[in-house]
Amino acid sequence: MKSPPQLDEQQRLFIDNFAQTWTLAGTNAMDGRVLGYLLIMDAEYISSADLGSVLSASPGSISVSTRRLLNLAMIKRHWIPGDRNHYFSAESDPWGSFLENGREPTARLREATRMAHQLIPSLSASSKARIDNATDYFIWIEGRTDSLVEEWEAYKKARPSETVFEQSDKDSQRSA
């Protein structure tokens, strides 16, 4: 049996920083650690047991985090015939997948907020304003999702083959 990969100091620093930043959006740090690792791993996929080992996390913690990230379309599950383990990798474009798959939750939230008027006819003016703002926000987002996805795809196609960081490194070497 192959042992799980070991992280070097730079990889740990990235994962911890990514997780800490991830929590600024009100999400779970372990979800950020899992996604951070999956973004930088070299393997095609990793088992949940090895993911737990690499991140020093419990099986339950890994299970909950991978489930949430799967629901957000940030990661994907891999199956190996005859193997009962769960395997995961990051989507090749987790942010584009997140945009694409945000349609259904947004539509559900829109309908949930719309129902407030039917279920609670005695809403105060301030409550009604908050509900109306929520509903209108979801309608607004729904109307822009397709164009956001198209713009993101066009942006990816138009970006230079070098990353921003590679170009920055070349620029600083030239000025030295």
C-alpha atoms as a PDB file:
ATOM      1  CA  MET A   1       0.000   0.000   0.000  1.00  0.00           C
ATOM      2  CA  LYS A   2       1.325   3.394  -1.008  1.00  0.00           C
ATOM      3  CA  SER A   3       1.808   5.934   1.778  1.00  0.00           C
ATOM      4  CA  PRO A   4       0.079   9.323   1.502  1.00  0.00           C
ATOM      5  CA  PRO A   5       2.129  12.242   0.202  1.00  0.00           C
ATOM      6  CA  GLN A   6       4.007  14.466   2.614  1.00  0.00           C
ATOM      7  CA  LEU A   7       3.668  18.232   2.471  1.00  0.00           C
ATOM      8  CA  ASP A   8       6.639  20.559   2.489  1.00  0.00           C
ATOM      9  CA  GLU A   9       6.612  23.825   4.433  1.00  0.00           C
ATOM     10  CA  GLN A  10       5.575  25.953   1.438  1.00  0.00           C
ATOM     11  CA  GLN A  11       2.657  23.641   0.638  1.00  0.00           C
ATOM     12  CA  ARG A  12       1.492  23.704   4.276  1.00  0.00           C
ATOM     13  CA  LEU A  13       1.765  27.488   4.311  1.00  0.00           C
ATOM     14  CA  PHE A  14      -0.327  27.760   1.132  1.00  0.00           C
ATOM     15  CA  ILE A  15      -2.997  25.352   2.442  1.00  0.00           C
ATOM     16  CA  ASP A  16      -3.230  27.113   5.807  1.00  0.00           C
ATOM     17  CA  ASN A  17      -3.357  30.555   4.190  1.00  0.00           C
ATOM     18  CA  PHE A  18      -5.971  29.407   1.671  1.00  0.00           C
ATOM     19  CA  ALA A  19      -8.095  27.925   4.480  1.00  0.00           C
ATOM     20  CA  GLN A  20      -7.823  31.060   6.580  1.00  0.00           C
ATOM     21  CA  THR A  21      -8.818  33.211   3.613  1.00  0.00           C
ATOM     22  CA  TRP A  22     -11.635  30.775   2.759  1.00  0.00           C
ATOM     23  CA  THR A  23     -13.151  31.360   6.217  1.00  0.00           C
ATOM     24  CA  LEU A  24     -13.454  35.097   5.499  1.00  0.00           C
ATOM     25  CA  ALA A  25     -16.402  34.191   3.261  1.00  0.00           C
ATOM     26  CA  GLY A  26     -18.110  32.553   6.237  1.00  0.00           C
ATOM     27  CA  THR A  27     -17.156  29.034   5.260  1.00  0.00           C
ATOM     28  CA  ASN A  28     -15.481  26.222   7.154  1.00  0.00           C
ATOM     29  CA  ALA A  29     -11.680  26.167   7.515  1.00  0.00           C
ATOM     30  CA  MET A  30     -11.492  22.410   6.852  1.00  0.00           C
ATOM     31  CA  ASP A  31     -13.326  22.913   3.548  1.00  0.00           C
ATOM     32  CA  GLY A  32     -10.644  25.466   2.673  1.00  0.00           C
ATOM     33  CA  ARG A  33      -7.860  23.097   3.697  1.00  0.00           C
ATOM     34  CA  VAL A  34      -9.316  20.290   1.570  1.00  0.00           C
ATOM     35  CA  LEU A  35      -9.800  22.512  -1.469  1.00  0.00           C
ATOM     36  CA  GLY A  36      -6.408  24.159  -0.954  1.00  0.00           C
ATOM     37  CA  TYR A  37      -4.690  20.774  -0.958  1.00  0.00           C
ATOM     38  CA  LEU A  38      -6.639  19.479  -3.951  1.00  0.00           C
ATOM     39  CA  LEU A  39      -5.697  22.601  -5.929  1.00  0.00           C
ATOM     40  CA  ILE A  40      -1.975  21.925  -5.531  1.00  0.00           C
ATOM     41  CA  MET A  41      -1.714  18.126  -5.441  1.00  0.00           C
ATOM     42  CA  ASP A  42       0.096  16.448  -8.308  1.00  0.00           C
ATOM     43  CA  ALA A  43      -1.826  13.161  -8.237  1.00  0.00           C
ATOM     44  CA  GLU A  44      -4.845  12.595 -10.465  1.00  0.00           C
ATOM     45  CA  TYR A  45      -6.947  12.026  -7.321  1.00  0.00           C
ATOM     46  CA  ILE A  46      -6.546  11.125  -3.638  1.00  0.00           C
ATOM     47  CA  SER A  47      -8.512   8.849  -1.321  1.00  0.00           C
ATOM     48  CA  SER A  48     -10.430  10.355   1.554  1.00  0.00           C
ATOM     49  CA  ALA A  49      -8.242   8.334   3.962  1.00  0.00           C
ATOM     50  CA  ASP A  50      -5.038   9.751   2.459  1.00  0.00           C
ATOM     51  CA  LEU A  51      -6.548  13.227   2.391  1.00  0.00           C
ATOM     52  CA  GLY A  52      -7.246  12.889   6.115  1.00  0.00           C
ATOM     53  CA  SER A  53      -3.704  11.699   6.715  1.00  0.00           C
ATOM     54  CA  VAL A  54      -2.094  14.511   4.709  1.00  0.00           C
ATOM     55  CA  LEU A  55      -4.212  17.169   6.421  1.00  0.00           C
ATOM     56  CA  SER A  56      -4.161  15.515   9.881  1.00  0.00           C
ATOM     57  CA  ALA A  57      -7.950  15.474   9.879  1.00  0.00           C
ATOM     58  CA  SER A  58     -10.526  12.962  11.079  1.00  0.00           C
ATOM     59  CA  PRO A  59     -12.475  10.812   8.607  1.00  0.00           C
ATOM     60  CA  GLY A  60     -15.698  12.575   9.651  1.00  0.00           C
ATOM     61  CA  SER A  61     -14.205  15.988   9.034  1.00  0.00           C
ATOM     62  CA  ILE A  62     -12.982  14.956   5.580  1.00  0.00           C
ATOM     63  CA  SER A  63     -16.366  13.411   4.767  1.00  0.00           C
ATOM     64  CA  VAL A  64     -18.320  16.549   5.712  1.00  0.00           C
ATOM     65  CA  SER A  65     -15.912  18.862   3.875  1.00  0.00           C
ATOM     66  CA  THR A  66     -15.794  16.818   0.679  1.00  0.00           C
ATOM     67  CA  ARG A  67     -19.601  16.597   0.677  1.00  0.00           C
ATOM     68  CA  ARG A  68     -19.916  20.388   0.958  1.00  0.00           C
ATOM     69  CA  LEU A  69     -17.291  20.971  -1.746  1.00  0.00           C
ATOM     70  CA  LEU A  70     -19.000  18.444  -4.033  1.00  0.00           C
ATOM     71  CA  ASN A  71     -22.292  20.290  -3.523  1.00  0.00           C
ATOM     72  CA  LEU A  72     -20.557  23.537  -4.511  1.00  0.00           C
ATOM     73  CA  ALA A  73     -19.103  21.818  -7.616  1.00  0.00           C
ATOM     74  CA  MET A  74     -15.585  22.785  -6.497  1.00  0.00           C
ATOM     75  CA  ILE A  75     -14.323  19.181  -6.437  1.00  0.00           C
ATOM     76  CA  LYS A  76     -15.241  15.922  -8.110  1.00  0.00           C
ATOM     77  CA  ARG A  77     -15.437  12.312  -6.949  1.00  0.00           C
ATOM     78  CA  HIS A  78     -13.653   9.469  -8.716  1.00  0.00           C
ATOM     79  CA  TRP A  79     -14.656   5.809  -8.628  1.00  0.00           C
ATOM     80  CA  ILE A  80     -12.328   2.876  -9.096  1.00  0.00           C
ATOM     81  CA  PRO A  81     -14.118  -0.357 -10.049  1.00  0.00           C
ATOM     82  CA  GLY A  82     -13.980  -2.838  -7.176  1.00  0.00           C
ATOM     83  CA  ASP A  83     -12.637  -0.239  -4.711  1.00  0.00           C
ATOM     84  CA  ARG A  84     -14.972   1.020  -1.987  1.00  0.00           C
ATOM     85  CA  ASN A  85     -12.818   4.011  -1.077  1.00  0.00           C
ATOM     86  CA  HIS A  86     -13.827   7.527  -2.039  1.00  0.00           C
ATOM     87  CA  TYR A  87     -11.402   9.477  -4.232  1.00  0.00           C
ATOM     88  CA  PHE A  88     -11.390  13.202  -4.926  1.00  0.00           C
ATOM     89  CA  SER A  89      -9.739  15.894  -7.009  1.00  0.00           C
ATOM     90  CA  ALA A  90     -10.342  19.572  -7.588  1.00  0.00           C
ATOM     91  CA  GLU A  91     -12.377  20.504 -10.635  1.00  0.00           C
ATOM     92  CA  SER A  92     -10.048  21.826 -13.344  1.00  0.00           C
ATOM     93  CA  ASP A  93     -11.913  25.133 -13.052  1.00  0.00           C
ATOM     94  CA  PRO A  94     -13.632  25.101  -9.649  1.00  0.00           C
ATOM     95  CA  TRP A  95     -14.628  28.756  -9.938  1.00  0.00           C
ATOM     96  CA  GLY A  96     -16.302  28.290 -13.314  1.00  0.00           C
ATOM     97  CA  SER A  97     -18.027  25.160 -12.000  1.00  0.00           C
ATOM     98  CA  PHE A  98     -19.194  27.143  -8.997  1.00  0.00           C
ATOM     99  CA  LEU A  99     -20.699  29.769 -11.326  1.00  0.00           C
ATOM    100  CA  GLU A 100     -22.321  27.138 -13.544  1.00  0.00           C
ATOM    101  CA  ASN A 101     -23.811  25.184 -10.664  1.00  0.00           C
ATOM    102  CA  GLY A 102     -25.000  28.202  -8.699  1.00  0.00           C
ATOM    103  CA  ARG A 103     -28.161  28.448 -10.773  1.00  0.00           C
ATOM    104  CA  GLU A 104     -30.216  25.873  -8.869  1.00  0.00           C
ATOM    105  CA  PRO A 105     -29.484  27.145  -5.328  1.00  0.00           C
ATOM    106  CA  THR A 106     -30.135  30.714  -6.485  1.00  0.00           C
ATOM    107  CA  ALA A 107     -33.490  29.716  -7.995  1.00  0.00           C
ATOM    108  CA  ARG A 108     -34.422  27.858  -4.811  1.00  0.00           C
ATOM    109  CA  LEU A 109     -33.509  30.845  -2.653  1.00  0.00           C
ATOM    110  CA  ARG A 110     -35.547  33.131  -4.912  1.00  0.00           C
ATOM    111  CA  GLU A 111     -38.585  30.907  -4.539  1.00  0.00           C
ATOM    112  CA  ALA A 112     -38.065  30.581  -0.783  1.00  0.00           C
ATOM    113  CA  THR A 113     -38.018  34.348  -0.331  1.00  0.00           C
ATOM    114  CA  ARG A 114     -41.033  34.798  -2.619  1.00  0.00           C
ATOM    115  CA  MET A 115     -42.976  32.363  -0.448  1.00  0.00           C
ATOM    116  CA  ALA A 116     -42.587  34.671   2.565  1.00  0.00           C
ATOM    117  CA  HIS A 117     -45.309  36.938   1.171  1.00  0.00           C
ATOM    118  CA  GLN A 118     -47.735  34.015   0.862  1.00  0.00           C
ATOM    119  CA  LEU A 119     -46.863  32.329   4.134  1.00  0.00           C
ATOM    120  CA  ILE A 120     -46.674  35.457   6.268  1.00  0.00           C
ATOM    121  CA  PRO A 121     -49.220  37.991   5.031  1.00  0.00           C
ATOM    122  CA  SER A 122     -48.656  40.145   8.105  1.00  0.00           C
ATOM    123  CA  LEU A 123     -45.034  41.014   7.254  1.00  0.00           C
ATOM    124  CA  SER A 124     -44.032  44.424   8.581  1.00  0.00           C
ATOM    125  CA  ALA A 125     -42.863  47.037   6.096  1.00  0.00           C
ATOM    126  CA  SER A 126     -39.228  46.555   7.123  1.00  0.00           C
ATOM    127  CA  SER A 127     -39.487  42.745   6.855  1.00  0.00           C
ATOM    128  CA  LYS A 128     -41.205  43.060   3.486  1.00  0.00           C
ATOM    129  CA  ALA A 129     -38.392  45.344   2.261  1.00  0.00           C
ATOM    130  CA  ARG A 130     -35.741  42.812   3.322  1.00  0.00           C
ATOM    131  CA  ILE A 131     -37.621  39.939   1.663  1.00  0.00           C
ATOM    132  CA  ASP A 132     -38.156  41.996  -1.506  1.00  0.00           C
ATOM    133  CA  ASN A 133     -34.445  42.896  -1.615  1.00  0.00           C
ATOM    134  CA  ALA A 134     -33.504  39.231  -1.226  1.00  0.00           C
ATOM    135  CA  THR A 135     -35.921  38.117  -3.947  1.00  0.00           C
ATOM    136  CA  ASP A 136     -34.828  40.893  -6.303  1.00  0.00           C
ATOM    137  CA  TYR A 137     -31.151  40.065  -5.655  1.00  0.00           C
ATOM    138  CA  PHE A 138     -31.683  36.428  -6.639  1.00  0.00           C
ATOM    139  CA  ILE A 139     -33.599  37.482  -9.764  1.00  0.00           C
ATOM    140  CA  TRP A 140     -30.763  39.894 -10.616  1.00  0.00           C
ATOM    141  CA  ILE A 141     -28.102  37.189 -10.114  1.00  0.00           C
ATOM    142  CA  GLU A 142     -30.074  34.692 -12.194  1.00  0.00           C
ATOM    143  CA  GLY A 143     -30.222  37.198 -15.039  1.00  0.00           C
ATOM    144  CA  ARG A 144     -26.465  37.589 -15.023  1.00  0.00           C
ATOM    145  CA  THR A 145     -25.242  34.033 -14.507  1.00  0.00           C
ATOM    146  CA  ASP A 146     -25.126  33.129 -18.216  1.00  0.00           C
ATOM    147  CA  SER A 147     -23.213  36.287 -19.102  1.00  0.00           C
ATOM    148  CA  LEU A 148     -20.817  35.770 -16.169  1.00  0.00           C
ATOM    149  CA  VAL A 149     -20.061  32.221 -17.338  1.00  0.00           C
ATOM    150  CA  GLU A 150     -19.557  33.443 -20.925  1.00  0.00           C
ATOM    151  CA  GLU A 151     -17.322  36.310 -19.771  1.00  0.00           C
ATOM    152  CA  TRP A 152     -15.264  33.942 -17.602  1.00  0.00           C
ATOM    153  CA  GLU A 153     -14.763  31.506 -20.496  1.00  0.00           C
ATOM    154  CA  ALA A 154     -13.762  34.374 -22.818  1.00  0.00           C
ATOM    155  CA  TYR A 155     -11.365  35.715 -20.186  1.00  0.00           C
ATOM    156  CA  LYS A 156      -9.708  32.303 -19.809  1.00  0.00           C
ATOM    157  CA  LYS A 157      -9.277  31.991 -23.585  1.00  0.00           C
ATOM    158  CA  ALA A 158      -7.816  35.503 -23.909  1.00  0.00           C
ATOM    159  CA  ARG A 159      -5.358  35.340 -21.027  1.00  0.00           C
ATOM    160  CA  PRO A 160      -1.699  34.911 -21.920  1.00  0.00           C
ATOM    161  CA  SER A 161      -0.157  31.470 -21.647  1.00  0.00           C
ATOM    162  CA  GLU A 162       2.129  32.763 -18.893  1.00  0.00           C
ATOM    163  CA  THR A 163       0.561  33.254 -15.526  1.00  0.00           C
ATOM    164  CA  VAL A 164       0.522  36.662 -13.890  1.00  0.00           C
ATOM    165  CA  PHE A 165       3.217  35.421 -11.499  1.00  0.00           C
ATOM    166  CA  GLU A 166       5.502  34.141 -14.259  1.00  0.00           C
ATOM    167  CA  GLN A 167       5.253  37.470 -16.083  1.00  0.00           C
ATOM    168  CA  SER A 168       5.935  39.349 -12.831  1.00  0.00           C
ATOM    169  CA  ASP A 169       9.036  37.204 -12.202  1.00  0.00           C
ATOM    170  CA  LYS A 170      10.368  37.933 -15.718  1.00  0.00           C
ATOM    171  CA  ASP A 171       9.721  41.658 -15.296  1.00  0.00           C
ATOM    172  CA  SER A 172      11.583  41.777 -11.981  1.00  0.00           C
ATOM    173  CA  GLN A 173      14.524  39.804 -13.450  1.00  0.00           C
ATOM    174  CA  ARG A 174      14.813  42.287 -16.320  1.00  0.00           C
ATOM    175  CA  SER A 175      14.869  45.262 -13.968  1.00  0.00           C
ATOM    176  CA  ALA A 176      17.552  43.708 -11.742  1.00  0.00           C
END
